[in-house]
Amino acid sequence: MGRRSRKFGFSWSWKRASGLSAMKQKISRKTGIPLTRSGRQRKVGKSLGCCIPFALLCAGVAAAITAIVT
């Protein structure tokens, strides 16, 4: 089993120290658009999540109408 290094709750980040993280947070909050890739993917997934059942319902109705007409 390999040894892991422990930081004991202390970590240093040049982005936090320079204020870059805080600036990015403020921009994201004002615009409502996340600046990270995973944040944008979560936002899009959340907004599309409610549309998928509706789209499947519409596709089913269209298929049923097509089957009846032909």
N, C-alpha and C. Protein backbone atom coordinates (compact mmCIF):
# COMPACT_ATOMS: atom_id res chain seq x y z
N MET A 1 0.84 -1.16 0.00
CA MET A 1 0.00 0.00 0.00
C MET A 1 0.90 1.24 0.00
N GLY A 2 0.59 2.19 -0.89
CA GLY A 2 1.42 3.39 -1.00
C GLY A 2 1.12 4.41 0.08
N ARG A 3 2.08 5.27 0.31
CA ARG A 3 1.90 6.31 1.32
C ARG A 3 1.29 7.54 0.68
N ARG A 4 0.39 8.16 1.40
CA ARG A 4 -0.23 9.39 0.92
C ARG A 4 0.30 10.56 1.73
N SER A 5 0.49 11.68 1.05
CA SER A 5 0.89 12.87 1.79
C SER A 5 -0.36 13.55 2.33
N ARG A 6 -0.27 14.03 3.53
CA ARG A 6 -1.40 14.69 4.17
C ARG A 6 -1.11 16.17 4.31
N LYS A 7 -2.13 16.98 4.09
CA LYS A 7 -1.95 18.41 4.20
C LYS A 7 -2.52 18.96 5.51
N PHE A 8 -3.29 18.17 6.21
CA PHE A 8 -3.86 18.55 7.50
C PHE A 8 -4.65 19.85 7.43
N GLY A 9 -5.47 20.00 6.38
CA GLY A 9 -6.36 21.15 6.30
C GLY A 9 -5.72 22.41 5.78
N PHE A 10 -4.47 22.37 5.40
CA PHE A 10 -3.80 23.56 4.89
C PHE A 10 -3.48 23.37 3.41
N SER A 11 -3.93 24.30 2.63
CA SER A 11 -3.55 24.30 1.21
C SER A 11 -3.40 25.74 0.76
N TRP A 12 -2.51 25.96 -0.15
CA TRP A 12 -2.24 27.30 -0.64
C TRP A 12 -2.49 27.33 -2.12
N SER A 13 -3.19 28.38 -2.58
CA SER A 13 -3.49 28.52 -3.99
C SER A 13 -3.15 29.93 -4.43
N TRP A 14 -2.37 30.04 -5.48
CA TRP A 14 -2.01 31.37 -5.98
C TRP A 14 -3.23 32.08 -6.56
N LYS A 15 -4.21 31.32 -7.05
CA LYS A 15 -5.41 31.95 -7.61
C LYS A 15 -6.24 32.60 -6.50
N ARG A 16 -6.35 31.90 -5.36
CA ARG A 16 -7.08 32.49 -4.23
C ARG A 16 -6.31 33.67 -3.65
N ALA A 17 -4.99 33.52 -3.55
CA ALA A 17 -4.17 34.58 -2.96
C ALA A 17 -4.20 35.84 -3.82
N SER A 18 -4.28 35.70 -5.14
CA SER A 18 -4.28 36.87 -6.02
C SER A 18 -5.66 37.49 -6.18
N GLY A 19 -6.69 36.81 -5.73
CA GLY A 19 -8.05 37.33 -5.86
C GLY A 19 -8.73 36.92 -7.14
N LEU A 20 -8.10 36.06 -7.94
CA LEU A 20 -8.67 35.63 -9.20
C LEU A 20 -9.94 34.82 -8.99
N SER A 21 -9.94 33.96 -7.99
CA SER A 21 -11.12 33.13 -7.72
C SER A 21 -12.31 34.00 -7.33
N ALA A 22 -12.10 34.99 -6.50
CA ALA A 22 -13.18 35.87 -6.06
C ALA A 22 -13.73 36.67 -7.24
N MET A 23 -12.84 37.13 -8.12
CA MET A 23 -13.27 37.89 -9.28
C MET A 23 -14.13 37.03 -10.21
N LYS A 24 -13.71 35.78 -10.42
CA LYS A 24 -14.48 34.88 -11.27
C LYS A 24 -15.85 34.58 -10.66
N GLN A 25 -15.91 34.43 -9.33
CA GLN A 25 -17.19 34.19 -8.66
C GLN A 25 -18.13 35.36 -8.85
N LYS A 26 -17.61 36.58 -8.72
CA LYS A 26 -18.46 37.76 -8.88
C LYS A 26 -19.01 37.86 -10.30
N ILE A 27 -18.17 37.57 -11.29
CA ILE A 27 -18.62 37.61 -12.69
C ILE A 27 -19.70 36.57 -12.92
N SER A 28 -19.48 35.37 -12.42
CA SER A 28 -20.46 34.29 -12.60
C SER A 28 -21.79 34.62 -11.95
N ARG A 29 -21.76 35.20 -10.77
CA ARG A 29 -23.00 35.54 -10.07
C ARG A 29 -23.76 36.65 -10.77
N LYS A 30 -23.03 37.66 -11.31
CA LYS A 30 -23.71 38.77 -11.99
C LYS A 30 -24.31 38.33 -13.32
N THR A 31 -23.58 37.52 -14.08
CA THR A 31 -24.06 37.12 -15.41
C THR A 31 -24.98 35.92 -15.34
N GLY A 32 -24.84 35.11 -14.29
CA GLY A 32 -25.66 33.89 -14.19
C GLY A 32 -25.11 32.75 -15.02
N ILE A 33 -23.93 32.93 -15.60
CA ILE A 33 -23.30 31.90 -16.42
C ILE A 33 -22.03 31.42 -15.73
N PRO A 34 -21.94 30.13 -15.40
CA PRO A 34 -20.72 29.63 -14.75
C PRO A 34 -19.51 29.72 -15.70
N LEU A 35 -18.35 30.00 -15.13
CA LEU A 35 -17.14 30.12 -15.95
C LEU A 35 -16.40 28.80 -16.10
N THR A 36 -16.76 27.80 -15.30
CA THR A 36 -16.09 26.51 -15.43
C THR A 36 -16.85 25.64 -16.41
N ARG A 37 -16.14 24.75 -17.06
CA ARG A 37 -16.76 23.86 -18.04
C ARG A 37 -17.81 22.97 -17.39
N SER A 38 -17.47 22.40 -16.24
CA SER A 38 -18.42 21.51 -15.57
C SER A 38 -19.65 22.28 -15.09
N GLY A 39 -19.46 23.53 -14.67
CA GLY A 39 -20.59 24.35 -14.25
C GLY A 39 -21.54 24.64 -15.40
N ARG A 40 -20.97 24.95 -16.57
CA ARG A 40 -21.81 25.20 -17.74
C ARG A 40 -22.55 23.94 -18.15
N GLN A 41 -21.89 22.79 -18.10
CA GLN A 41 -22.54 21.53 -18.46
C GLN A 41 -23.67 21.21 -17.49
N ARG A 42 -23.47 21.46 -16.19
CA ARG A 42 -24.53 21.24 -15.20
C ARG A 42 -25.72 22.14 -15.47
N LYS A 43 -25.45 23.39 -15.80
CA LYS A 43 -26.54 24.35 -16.06
C LYS A 43 -27.35 23.93 -17.27
N VAL A 44 -26.69 23.53 -18.35
CA VAL A 44 -27.39 23.09 -19.55
C VAL A 44 -28.15 21.81 -19.28
N GLY A 45 -27.56 20.87 -18.57
CA GLY A 45 -28.22 19.61 -18.24
C GLY A 45 -29.45 19.82 -17.39
N LYS A 46 -29.36 20.76 -16.46
CA LYS A 46 -30.50 21.04 -15.59
C LYS A 46 -31.65 21.66 -16.38
N SER A 47 -31.32 22.55 -17.33
CA SER A 47 -32.39 23.19 -18.10
C SER A 47 -33.00 22.24 -19.12
N LEU A 48 -32.21 21.31 -19.64
CA LEU A 48 -32.74 20.35 -20.60
C LEU A 48 -33.45 19.18 -19.93
N GLY A 49 -33.19 18.98 -18.67
CA GLY A 49 -33.79 17.85 -17.95
C GLY A 49 -35.30 17.86 -17.96
N CYS A 50 -35.90 19.05 -17.89
CA CYS A 50 -37.36 19.13 -17.87
C CYS A 50 -37.93 19.05 -19.28
N CYS A 51 -37.12 19.26 -20.30
CA CYS A 51 -37.61 19.26 -21.68
C CYS A 51 -37.62 17.87 -22.30
N ILE A 52 -36.80 16.97 -21.79
CA ILE A 52 -36.68 15.64 -22.40
C ILE A 52 -37.98 14.85 -22.33
N PRO A 53 -38.69 14.77 -21.19
CA PRO A 53 -39.96 14.03 -21.19
C PRO A 53 -40.98 14.64 -22.16
N PHE A 54 -41.01 15.97 -22.25
CA PHE A 54 -41.93 16.63 -23.17
C PHE A 54 -41.58 16.29 -24.61
N ALA A 55 -40.29 16.28 -24.94
CA ALA A 55 -39.86 15.96 -26.30
C ALA A 55 -40.21 14.50 -26.65
N LEU A 56 -40.04 13.60 -25.69
CA LEU A 56 -40.40 12.20 -25.94
C LEU A 56 -41.90 12.05 -26.14
N LEU A 57 -42.69 12.79 -25.38
CA LEU A 57 -44.13 12.75 -25.53
C LEU A 57 -44.55 13.26 -26.91
N CYS A 58 -43.94 14.35 -27.33
CA CYS A 58 -44.25 14.89 -28.67
C CYS A 58 -43.85 13.93 -29.76
N ALA A 59 -42.72 13.27 -29.61
CA ALA A 59 -42.28 12.30 -30.62
C ALA A 59 -43.23 11.12 -30.67
N GLY A 60 -43.72 10.67 -29.52
CA GLY A 60 -44.68 9.57 -29.49
C GLY A 60 -45.98 9.93 -30.14
N VAL A 61 -46.46 11.14 -29.88
CA VAL A 61 -47.71 11.59 -30.49
C VAL A 61 -47.54 11.70 -32.00
N ALA A 62 -46.41 12.26 -32.45
CA ALA A 62 -46.16 12.38 -33.88
C ALA A 62 -46.09 10.99 -34.54
N ALA A 63 -45.47 10.03 -33.88
CA ALA A 63 -45.38 8.68 -34.44
C ALA A 63 -46.76 8.05 -34.51
N ALA A 64 -47.60 8.26 -33.50
CA ALA A 64 -48.95 7.71 -33.51
C ALA A 64 -49.79 8.32 -34.61
N ILE A 65 -49.69 9.63 -34.79
CA ILE A 65 -50.44 10.29 -35.87
C ILE A 65 -49.98 9.80 -37.23
N THR A 66 -48.66 9.64 -37.39
CA THR A 66 -48.12 9.13 -38.66
C THR A 66 -48.63 7.71 -38.93
N ALA A 67 -48.71 6.89 -37.90
CA ALA A 67 -49.18 5.51 -38.07
C ALA A 67 -50.66 5.50 -38.43
N ILE A 68 -51.43 6.38 -37.86
CA ILE A 68 -52.87 6.44 -38.15
C ILE A 68 -53.11 6.95 -39.57
N VAL A 69 -52.39 7.96 -39.98
CA VAL A 69 -52.60 8.57 -41.29
C VAL A 69 -52.19 7.65 -42.43
N THR A 70 -51.14 6.88 -42.26
CA THR A 70 -50.68 6.02 -43.36
C THR A 70 -51.35 4.70 -43.42
